[in-house]
C-alpha atoms as a PDB file:
ATOM      1  CA  MET A   1     -24.219 -29.661  13.466  1.00  0.00           C
ATOM      2  CA  ASN A   2     -23.035 -33.229  13.637  1.00  0.00           C
ATOM      3  CA  THR A   3     -19.944 -34.454  11.720  1.00  0.00           C
ATOM      4  CA  ASN A   4     -21.908 -36.456   9.202  1.00  0.00           C
ATOM      5  CA  ARG A   5     -24.095 -33.428   8.256  1.00  0.00           C
ATOM      6  CA  MET A   6     -21.022 -31.283   7.880  1.00  0.00           C
ATOM      7  CA  THR A   7     -19.449 -33.755   5.638  1.00  0.00           C
ATOM      8  CA  GLN A   8     -22.564 -33.855   3.435  1.00  0.00           C
ATOM      9  CA  HIS A   9     -22.757 -30.105   3.384  1.00  0.00           C
ATOM     10  CA  ARG A  10     -18.970 -29.871   2.330  1.00  0.00           C
ATOM     11  CA  ALA A  11     -19.602 -32.472  -0.375  1.00  0.00           C
ATOM     12  CA  PHE A  12     -22.455 -30.613  -1.714  1.00  0.00           C
ATOM     13  CA  LEU A  13     -20.521 -27.334  -1.981  1.00  0.00           C
ATOM     14  CA  THR A  14     -17.376 -28.822  -3.407  1.00  0.00           C
ATOM     15  CA  ALA A  15     -19.319 -30.751  -6.041  1.00  0.00           C
ATOM     16  CA  ARG A  16     -20.393 -27.390  -7.346  1.00  0.00           C
ATOM     17  CA  GLY A  17     -16.856 -26.134  -7.728  1.00  0.00           C
ATOM     18  CA  TYR A  18     -16.551 -24.315  -4.463  1.00  0.00           C
ATOM     19  CA  SER A  19     -13.606 -25.382  -2.191  1.00  0.00           C
ATOM     20  CA  VAL A  20     -13.867 -25.131   1.494  1.00  0.00           C
ATOM     21  CA  ARG A  21     -11.006 -22.798   1.435  1.00  0.00           C
ATOM     22  CA  GLN A  22     -12.909 -20.371  -0.942  1.00  0.00           C
ATOM     23  CA  LEU A  23     -16.121 -20.559   1.222  1.00  0.00           C
ATOM     24  CA  LEU A  24     -14.007 -19.835   4.458  1.00  0.00           C
ATOM     25  CA  HIS A  25     -12.378 -16.884   2.642  1.00  0.00           C
ATOM     26  CA  VAL A  26     -15.689 -15.288   1.642  1.00  0.00           C
ATOM     27  CA  THR A  27     -17.140 -15.835   5.067  1.00  0.00           C
ATOM     28  CA  VAL A  28     -14.166 -14.206   6.833  1.00  0.00           C
ATOM     29  CA  LEU A  29     -14.293 -11.232   4.261  1.00  0.00           C
ATOM     30  CA  ALA A  30     -18.106 -10.834   4.822  1.00  0.00           C
ATOM     31  CA  VAL A  31     -17.652 -10.794   8.592  1.00  0.00           C
ATOM     32  CA  PHE A  32     -14.981  -8.169   8.534  1.00  0.00           C
ATOM     33  CA  SER A  33     -16.827  -6.068   5.953  1.00  0.00           C
ATOM     34  CA  VAL A  34     -19.555  -5.557   8.439  1.00  0.00           C
ATOM     35  CA  GLY A  35     -17.253  -3.738  10.832  1.00  0.00           C
ATOM     36  CA  CYS A  36     -17.528  -3.159  14.547  1.00  0.00           C
ATOM     37  CA  SER A  37     -17.189   0.600  15.003  1.00  0.00           C
ATOM     38  CA  ASP A  38     -19.724   2.507  17.175  1.00  0.00           C
ATOM     39  CA  GLY A  39     -18.848   5.822  15.653  1.00  0.00           C
ATOM     40  CA  ALA A  40     -19.557   7.418  12.275  1.00  0.00           C
ATOM     41  CA  ASN A  41     -18.236   5.685   9.283  1.00  0.00           C
ATOM     42  CA  PRO A  42     -14.890   7.295   8.254  1.00  0.00           C
ATOM     43  CA  TYR A  43     -15.361   5.934   4.739  1.00  0.00           C
ATOM     44  CA  PRO A  44     -18.816   6.707   3.611  1.00  0.00           C
ATOM     45  CA  VAL A  45     -19.758   4.930   0.409  1.00  0.00           C
ATOM     46  CA  ARG A  46     -19.746   6.969  -2.875  1.00  0.00           C
ATOM     47  CA  SER A  47     -22.757   5.451  -4.603  1.00  0.00           C
ATOM     48  CA  ASP A  48     -21.950   6.657  -8.128  1.00  0.00           C
ATOM     49  CA  VAL A  49     -18.400   5.205  -7.769  1.00  0.00           C
ATOM     50  CA  ALA A  50     -19.759   1.922  -6.307  1.00  0.00           C
ATOM     51  CA  ARG A  51     -22.142   1.396  -9.233  1.00  0.00           C
ATOM     52  CA  GLN A  52     -19.519   2.130 -11.767  1.00  0.00           C
ATOM     53  CA  THR A  53     -17.074  -0.253  -9.997  1.00  0.00           C
ATOM     54  CA  LEU A  54     -19.592  -2.992  -9.950  1.00  0.00           C
ATOM     55  CA  GLU A  55     -20.334  -2.507 -13.716  1.00  0.00           C
ATOM     56  CA  THR A  56     -16.568  -2.441 -14.463  1.00  0.00           C
ATOM     57  CA  ALA A  57     -16.188  -5.770 -12.646  1.00  0.00           C
ATOM     58  CA  LEU A  58     -19.196  -7.411 -14.285  1.00  0.00           C
ATOM     59  CA  ASP A  59     -18.182  -6.250 -17.706  1.00  0.00           C
ATOM     60  CA  ALA A  60     -14.744  -7.823 -17.071  1.00  0.00           C
ATOM     61  CA  TRP A  61     -16.396 -11.088 -16.015  1.00  0.00           C
ATOM     62  CA  LYS A  62     -18.633 -11.001 -19.165  1.00  0.00           C
ATOM     63  CA  ALA A  63     -15.584 -10.422 -21.283  1.00  0.00           C
ATOM     64  CA  GLY A  64     -13.938 -13.586 -19.768  1.00  0.00           C
ATOM     65  CA  THR A  65     -11.356 -11.822 -17.484  1.00  0.00           C
ATOM     66  CA  GLU A  66     -10.277 -13.596 -14.303  1.00  0.00           C
ATOM     67  CA  PRO A  67     -11.344 -11.745 -11.060  1.00  0.00           C
ATOM     68  CA  SER A  68      -7.547 -11.535 -10.021  1.00  0.00           C
ATOM     69  CA  MET A  69      -6.835  -9.572 -13.125  1.00  0.00           C
ATOM     70  CA  LEU A  70      -8.906  -6.679 -11.723  1.00  0.00           C
ATOM     71  CA  ARG A  71      -6.107  -6.103  -9.132  1.00  0.00           C
ATOM     72  CA  GLU A  72      -4.029  -4.924 -12.131  1.00  0.00           C
ATOM     73  CA  HIS A  73      -6.813  -2.467 -13.102  1.00  0.00           C
ATOM     74  CA  ASN A  74      -6.227   1.243 -12.506  1.00  0.00           C
ATOM     75  CA  PRO A  75      -7.638   1.836  -9.900  1.00  0.00           C
ATOM     76  CA  THR A  76      -7.298  -1.736  -8.358  1.00  0.00           C
ATOM     77  CA  ILE A  77     -10.554  -3.525  -7.795  1.00  0.00           C
ATOM     78  CA  VAL A  78     -10.570  -6.400  -5.344  1.00  0.00           C
ATOM     79  CA  VAL A  79     -13.368  -8.960  -6.416  1.00  0.00           C
ATOM     80  CA  GLN A  80     -14.717 -12.092  -4.689  1.00  0.00           C
ATOM     81  CA  ASP A  81     -17.480 -14.079  -6.444  1.00  0.00           C
ATOM     82  CA  LEU A  82     -17.705 -17.883  -6.094  1.00  0.00           C
ATOM     83  CA  ASP A  83     -19.405 -18.358  -9.347  1.00  0.00           C
ATOM     84  CA  TRP A  84     -16.783 -16.266 -11.177  1.00  0.00           C
ATOM     85  CA  SER A  85     -13.819 -17.989  -9.456  1.00  0.00           C
ATOM     86  CA  ALA A  86     -15.335 -21.440 -10.280  1.00  0.00           C
ATOM     87  CA  GLY A  87     -15.215 -20.671 -14.025  1.00  0.00           C
ATOM     88  CA  THR A  88     -18.886 -19.852 -14.658  1.00  0.00           C
ATOM     89  CA  GLN A  89     -19.441 -17.507 -17.565  1.00  0.00           C
ATOM     90  CA  LEU A  90     -21.478 -14.422 -17.254  1.00  0.00           C
ATOM     91  CA  THR A  91     -23.554 -13.940 -20.340  1.00  0.00           C
ATOM     92  CA  ALA A  92     -25.683 -10.927 -19.310  1.00  0.00           C
ATOM     93  CA  TYR A  93     -26.469  -8.879 -16.160  1.00  0.00           C
ATOM     94  CA  GLU A  94     -28.814  -6.078 -15.204  1.00  0.00           C
ATOM     95  CA  LEU A  95     -28.540  -3.874 -12.090  1.00  0.00           C
ATOM     96  CA  VAL A  96     -31.991  -4.290 -10.496  1.00  0.00           C
ATOM     97  CA  ASN A  97     -31.772  -1.168  -8.392  1.00  0.00           C
ATOM     98  CA  ASP A  98     -29.592   1.786  -7.569  1.00  0.00           C
ATOM     99  CA  GLY A  99     -28.468   0.164  -4.280  1.00  0.00           C
ATOM    100  CA  LYS A 100     -28.750   0.813  -0.585  1.00  0.00           C
ATOM    101  CA  SER A 101     -25.985   2.212   1.582  1.00  0.00           C
ATOM    102  CA  VAL A 102     -24.951  -0.346   4.233  1.00  0.00           C
ATOM    103  CA  GLY A 103     -22.143   1.074   6.314  1.00  0.00           C
ATOM    104  CA  ALA A 104     -19.109   1.674   4.117  1.00  0.00           C
ATOM    105  CA  ASN A 105     -20.665  -0.403   1.246  1.00  0.00           C
ATOM    106  CA  LEU A 106     -23.437  -0.099  -1.346  1.00  0.00           C
ATOM    107  CA  SER A 107     -25.667  -3.237  -1.466  1.00  0.00           C
ATOM    108  CA  ILE A 108     -26.903  -3.631  -5.011  1.00  0.00           C
ATOM    109  CA  GLU A 109     -29.178  -6.328  -6.397  1.00  0.00           C
ATOM    110  CA  VAL A 110     -28.084  -7.697  -9.819  1.00  0.00           C
ATOM    111  CA  HIS A 111     -29.817 -10.104 -12.199  1.00  0.00           C
ATOM    112  CA  LEU A 112     -27.284 -12.585 -13.608  1.00  0.00           C
ATOM    113  CA  GLU A 113     -27.504 -14.795 -16.679  1.00  0.00           C
ATOM    114  CA  LEU A 114     -24.876 -17.562 -16.252  1.00  0.00           C
ATOM    115  CA  LYS A 115     -23.474 -20.583 -18.221  1.00  0.00           C
ATOM    116  CA  ASN A 116     -21.740 -23.210 -16.342  1.00  0.00           C
ATOM    117  CA  LYS A 117     -18.853 -25.360 -17.632  1.00  0.00           C
ATOM    118  CA  ALA A 118     -21.317 -27.961 -18.846  1.00  0.00           C
ATOM    119  CA  GLY A 119     -23.085 -25.280 -21.003  1.00  0.00           C
ATOM    120  CA  ASN A 120     -26.152 -25.119 -18.824  1.00  0.00           C
ATOM    121  CA  VAL A 121     -27.659 -21.597 -18.616  1.00  0.00           C
ATOM    122  CA  SER A 122     -29.258 -20.275 -15.486  1.00  0.00           C
ATOM    123  CA  GLN A 123     -30.521 -16.924 -14.185  1.00  0.00           C
ATOM    124  CA  LYS A 124     -30.544 -15.628 -10.634  1.00  0.00           C
ATOM    125  CA  ASN A 125     -30.770 -12.438  -8.715  1.00  0.00           C
ATOM    126  CA  VAL A 126     -27.802 -11.739  -6.319  1.00  0.00           C
ATOM    127  CA  TRP A 127     -26.571  -8.917  -4.162  1.00  0.00           C
ATOM    128  CA  TYR A 128     -23.110  -7.391  -4.139  1.00  0.00           C
ATOM    129  CA  LEU A 129     -21.627  -5.332  -1.405  1.00  0.00           C
ATOM    130  CA  VAL A 130     -19.426  -2.670  -3.139  1.00  0.00           C
ATOM    131  CA  GLY A 131     -16.961  -0.611  -1.183  1.00  0.00           C
ATOM    132  CA  THR A 132     -15.219   2.587  -2.499  1.00  0.00           C
ATOM    133  CA  ASP A 133     -12.931   3.717   0.348  1.00  0.00           C
ATOM    134  CA  PRO A 134     -10.102   3.048   1.208  1.00  0.00           C
ATOM    135  CA  ALA A 135     -10.194   0.472  -1.606  1.00  0.00           C
ATOM    136  CA  LEU A 136     -12.590  -0.449  -4.460  1.00  0.00           C
ATOM    137  CA  THR A 137     -14.107  -3.843  -3.533  1.00  0.00           C
ATOM    138  CA  VAL A 138     -16.906  -6.001  -5.001  1.00  0.00           C
ATOM    139  CA  PHE A 139     -18.015  -8.958  -2.838  1.00  0.00           C
ATOM    140  CA  ARG A 140     -20.954 -11.193  -3.387  1.00  0.00           C
ATOM    141  CA  ASP A 141     -23.285 -10.833  -0.366  1.00  0.00           C
ATOM    142  CA  MET A 142     -23.685 -14.351   0.819  1.00  0.00           C
ATOM    143  CA  PHE A 143     -26.183 -13.554   3.541  1.00  0.00           C
ATOM    144  CA  HIS A 144     -28.723 -11.720   1.346  1.00  0.00           C
END
């Protein structure tokens, strides 16, 4: 990718409230969440716990809670979602399916209804990767 194209891409993302640092952080987390083990997963996902964790996180977003506040939740939930971090409001959500086990995570499709800072409402389907062991994690799947 040439320098001009990279600059245009960076400007496009930062204009939408995403800093380059946030995008880099999400990319690194996504790469490391895939794992590189050849053996059996030492932390198989607990699907029921994963779905409940995702609903807890989405309910907190809908209530206006900052994602960092879930680190104080008992048990702690680590959340990464660029729309949420950028201040977009979640007005409604629906889990589209029960999810599919992907290594140590459960991949779950969710229909979101969002309102941005300008008051514009949008809807979209996204996927979350939810981990249950050794920690509760909820990450937007940027590659789905």
